[in-house]
């Protein structure tokens, strides 16, 4: 066997090992689910395909995410060990407020979480002042 043949065999073996390791690894994934109960601080229970999973709710979403919201959940490592709510695409509740900017000709914002004066979630009525 020539030196070139030996080098090619080594490269082929390394490629086989790398291809196998790449096949085993998984990266981040995003799933869609529904918030199963009112979030408590950084803890958010999300129903994803019939299974309730505990997710981290980042601080900037604490006032925006509530029970029955449809949320995006990122599986950071692709292993299911660290799930993070990254955003919302609306709610399964009928009551939402959508803001239309007529100058831009599109919807620009919305609210799905309504609280009364005692900070209790309410589905009864909304008064805009």
C-alpha atoms as a PDB file:
ATOM      1  CA  UNK A   1       0.000   0.000   0.000  1.00  0.00           C
ATOM      2  CA  UNK A   2       1.365   3.387  -0.953  1.00  0.00           C
ATOM      3  CA  UNK A   3       1.595   6.397   1.337  1.00  0.00           C
ATOM      4  CA  UNK A   4      -1.207   8.067  -0.664  1.00  0.00           C
ATOM      5  CA  UNK A   5      -3.421   4.982  -0.189  1.00  0.00           C
ATOM      6  CA  UNK A   6      -2.778   5.017   3.566  1.00  0.00           C
ATOM      7  CA  UNK A   7      -3.581   8.709   3.803  1.00  0.00           C
ATOM      8  CA  UNK A   8      -6.813   8.211   1.832  1.00  0.00           C
ATOM      9  CA  UNK A   9      -7.851   5.336   4.148  1.00  0.00           C
ATOM     10  CA  UNK A  10      -7.194   7.532   7.212  1.00  0.00           C
ATOM     11  CA  UNK A  11      -9.249  10.373   5.703  1.00  0.00           C
ATOM     12  CA  UNK A  12     -12.061   7.949   4.859  1.00  0.00           C
ATOM     13  CA  UNK A  13     -12.061   6.602   8.436  1.00  0.00           C
ATOM     14  CA  UNK A  14     -12.169  10.123   9.900  1.00  0.00           C
ATOM     15  CA  UNK A  15     -15.029  11.060   7.550  1.00  0.00           C
ATOM     16  CA  UNK A  16     -16.989   7.981   8.623  1.00  0.00           C
ATOM     17  CA  UNK A  17     -16.570   8.848  12.311  1.00  0.00           C
ATOM     18  CA  UNK A  18     -17.510  12.513  11.772  1.00  0.00           C
ATOM     19  CA  UNK A  19     -20.584  11.595   9.711  1.00  0.00           C
ATOM     20  CA  UNK A  20     -21.750   9.215  12.446  1.00  0.00           C
ATOM     21  CA  UNK A  21     -21.289  11.841  15.184  1.00  0.00           C
ATOM     22  CA  UNK A  22     -23.129  14.489  13.153  1.00  0.00           C
ATOM     23  CA  UNK A  23     -26.023  12.056  12.716  1.00  0.00           C
ATOM     24  CA  UNK A  24     -26.264  11.629  16.485  1.00  0.00           C
ATOM     25  CA  UNK A  25     -26.260  15.323  17.327  1.00  0.00           C
ATOM     26  CA  UNK A  26     -29.311  17.505  17.285  1.00  0.00           C
ATOM     27  CA  UNK A  27     -29.661  21.246  17.352  1.00  0.00           C
ATOM     28  CA  UNK A  28     -32.236  23.672  18.639  1.00  0.00           C
ATOM     29  CA  UNK A  29     -35.851  23.081  17.670  1.00  0.00           C
ATOM     30  CA  UNK A  30     -38.977  25.207  17.959  1.00  0.00           C
ATOM     31  CA  UNK A  31     -42.379  23.791  18.886  1.00  0.00           C
ATOM     32  CA  UNK A  32     -45.796  25.385  19.299  1.00  0.00           C
ATOM     33  CA  UNK A  33     -47.954  24.802  22.361  1.00  0.00           C
ATOM     34  CA  UNK A  34     -50.662  26.262  24.579  1.00  0.00           C
ATOM     35  CA  UNK A  35     -50.029  27.623  28.070  1.00  0.00           C
ATOM     36  CA  UNK A  36     -51.804  25.161  30.399  1.00  0.00           C
ATOM     37  CA  UNK A  37     -51.950  27.313  33.556  1.00  0.00           C
ATOM     38  CA  UNK A  38     -51.094  30.820  34.655  1.00  0.00           C
ATOM     39  CA  UNK A  39     -47.298  31.241  34.605  1.00  0.00           C
ATOM     40  CA  UNK A  40     -45.632  31.679  37.988  1.00  0.00           C
ATOM     41  CA  UNK A  41     -42.515  33.804  37.690  1.00  0.00           C
ATOM     42  CA  UNK A  42     -40.067  32.071  35.396  1.00  0.00           C
ATOM     43  CA  UNK A  43     -42.057  28.799  35.354  1.00  0.00           C
ATOM     44  CA  UNK A  44     -44.533  28.221  32.537  1.00  0.00           C
ATOM     45  CA  UNK A  45     -46.388  24.939  31.909  1.00  0.00           C
ATOM     46  CA  UNK A  46     -47.032  24.461  28.189  1.00  0.00           C
ATOM     47  CA  UNK A  47     -49.098  21.739  26.537  1.00  0.00           C
ATOM     48  CA  UNK A  48     -47.185  20.551  23.472  1.00  0.00           C
ATOM     49  CA  UNK A  49     -48.914  17.824  21.452  1.00  0.00           C
ATOM     50  CA  UNK A  50     -50.847  16.573  24.480  1.00  0.00           C
ATOM     51  CA  UNK A  51     -47.903  16.577  26.911  1.00  0.00           C
ATOM     52  CA  UNK A  52     -47.451  19.227  29.595  1.00  0.00           C
ATOM     53  CA  UNK A  53     -43.877  20.481  29.735  1.00  0.00           C
ATOM     54  CA  UNK A  54     -42.245  22.865  32.192  1.00  0.00           C
ATOM     55  CA  UNK A  55     -40.617  25.765  30.386  1.00  0.00           C
ATOM     56  CA  UNK A  56     -38.663  28.848  31.384  1.00  0.00           C
ATOM     57  CA  UNK A  57     -40.517  32.113  30.823  1.00  0.00           C
ATOM     58  CA  UNK A  58     -38.022  34.961  30.279  1.00  0.00           C
ATOM     59  CA  UNK A  59     -38.566  38.094  32.349  1.00  0.00           C
ATOM     60  CA  UNK A  60     -39.521  40.283  29.391  1.00  0.00           C
ATOM     61  CA  UNK A  61     -42.538  38.025  28.720  1.00  0.00           C
ATOM     62  CA  UNK A  62     -43.921  37.872  32.294  1.00  0.00           C
ATOM     63  CA  UNK A  63     -46.582  40.525  31.605  1.00  0.00           C
ATOM     64  CA  UNK A  64     -47.413  39.235  28.136  1.00  0.00           C
ATOM     65  CA  UNK A  65     -47.945  35.478  28.446  1.00  0.00           C
ATOM     66  CA  UNK A  66     -50.965  33.985  30.233  1.00  0.00           C
ATOM     67  CA  UNK A  67     -53.044  30.811  30.367  1.00  0.00           C
ATOM     68  CA  UNK A  68     -54.462  29.710  26.988  1.00  0.00           C
ATOM     69  CA  UNK A  69     -51.914  31.700  24.962  1.00  0.00           C
ATOM     70  CA  UNK A  70     -50.394  29.990  21.948  1.00  0.00           C
ATOM     71  CA  UNK A  71     -46.621  30.133  22.403  1.00  0.00           C
ATOM     72  CA  UNK A  72     -43.393  29.255  20.654  1.00  0.00           C
ATOM     73  CA  UNK A  73     -41.102  27.028  22.711  1.00  0.00           C
ATOM     74  CA  UNK A  74     -37.411  26.672  21.856  1.00  0.00           C
ATOM     75  CA  UNK A  75     -35.609  23.470  22.786  1.00  0.00           C
ATOM     76  CA  UNK A  76     -32.210  25.087  23.242  1.00  0.00           C
ATOM     77  CA  UNK A  77     -30.039  21.956  23.064  1.00  0.00           C
ATOM     78  CA  UNK A  78     -32.360  19.717  21.051  1.00  0.00           C
ATOM     79  CA  UNK A  79     -32.508  17.282  23.975  1.00  0.00           C
ATOM     80  CA  UNK A  80     -35.671  18.445  25.766  1.00  0.00           C
ATOM     81  CA  UNK A  81     -33.642  19.403  28.850  1.00  0.00           C
ATOM     82  CA  UNK A  82     -33.991  23.195  28.526  1.00  0.00           C
ATOM     83  CA  UNK A  83     -37.240  24.565  27.079  1.00  0.00           C
ATOM     84  CA  UNK A  84     -37.773  28.335  26.813  1.00  0.00           C
ATOM     85  CA  UNK A  85     -40.900  30.248  25.778  1.00  0.00           C
ATOM     86  CA  UNK A  86     -39.727  32.709  23.132  1.00  0.00           C
ATOM     87  CA  UNK A  87     -42.946  34.380  22.046  1.00  0.00           C
ATOM     88  CA  UNK A  88     -46.690  34.224  21.480  1.00  0.00           C
ATOM     89  CA  UNK A  89     -48.814  34.050  18.369  1.00  0.00           C
ATOM     90  CA  UNK A  90     -52.140  34.815  20.024  1.00  0.00           C
ATOM     91  CA  UNK A  91     -54.579  33.078  22.301  1.00  0.00           C
ATOM     92  CA  UNK A  92     -57.202  30.366  22.241  1.00  0.00           C
ATOM     93  CA  UNK A  93     -59.426  32.719  24.283  1.00  0.00           C
ATOM     94  CA  UNK A  94     -61.882  34.723  22.232  1.00  0.00           C
ATOM     95  CA  UNK A  95     -61.023  38.035  23.870  1.00  0.00           C
ATOM     96  CA  UNK A  96     -58.101  39.854  22.297  1.00  0.00           C
ATOM     97  CA  UNK A  97     -57.365  43.457  21.448  1.00  0.00           C
ATOM     98  CA  UNK A  98     -55.637  44.117  18.143  1.00  0.00           C
ATOM     99  CA  UNK A  99     -54.263  47.538  17.215  1.00  0.00           C
ATOM    100  CA  UNK A 100     -54.379  48.579  13.581  1.00  0.00           C
ATOM    101  CA  UNK A 101     -52.134  51.388  12.334  1.00  0.00           C
ATOM    102  CA  UNK A 102     -54.069  52.905   9.447  1.00  0.00           C
ATOM    103  CA  UNK A 103     -51.060  54.926   8.261  1.00  0.00           C
ATOM    104  CA  UNK A 104     -48.990  51.750   7.934  1.00  0.00           C
ATOM    105  CA  UNK A 105     -51.964  49.781   6.672  1.00  0.00           C
ATOM    106  CA  UNK A 106     -51.367  46.828   8.971  1.00  0.00           C
ATOM    107  CA  UNK A 107     -51.844  45.410  12.455  1.00  0.00           C
ATOM    108  CA  UNK A 108     -49.026  46.599  14.705  1.00  0.00           C
ATOM    109  CA  UNK A 109     -49.761  45.230  18.169  1.00  0.00           C
ATOM    110  CA  UNK A 110     -52.110  43.233  20.315  1.00  0.00           C
ATOM    111  CA  UNK A 111     -53.011  42.195  23.836  1.00  0.00           C
ATOM    112  CA  UNK A 112     -54.351  38.863  25.067  1.00  0.00           C
ATOM    113  CA  UNK A 113     -53.915  39.311  28.831  1.00  0.00           C
ATOM    114  CA  UNK A 114     -56.455  41.511  30.630  1.00  0.00           C
ATOM    115  CA  UNK A 115     -56.419  42.229  34.373  1.00  0.00           C
ATOM    116  CA  UNK A 116     -58.855  44.104  36.589  1.00  0.00           C
ATOM    117  CA  UNK A 117     -57.851  46.698  39.198  1.00  0.00           C
ATOM    118  CA  UNK A 118     -56.827  43.922  41.641  1.00  0.00           C
ATOM    119  CA  UNK A 119     -54.475  42.314  39.050  1.00  0.00           C
ATOM    120  CA  UNK A 120     -56.883  39.401  38.580  1.00  0.00           C
ATOM    121  CA  UNK A 121     -57.171  38.054  35.048  1.00  0.00           C
ATOM    122  CA  UNK A 122     -60.570  38.759  33.605  1.00  0.00           C
ATOM    123  CA  UNK A 123     -62.508  37.721  30.525  1.00  0.00           C
ATOM    124  CA  UNK A 124     -65.544  39.854  31.355  1.00  0.00           C
ATOM    125  CA  UNK A 125     -65.041  43.276  29.866  1.00  0.00           C
ATOM    126  CA  UNK A 126     -62.416  45.696  28.714  1.00  0.00           C
ATOM    127  CA  UNK A 127     -62.743  49.452  29.034  1.00  0.00           C
ATOM    128  CA  UNK A 128     -60.379  51.484  26.871  1.00  0.00           C
ATOM    129  CA  UNK A 129     -59.770  55.014  28.141  1.00  0.00           C
END
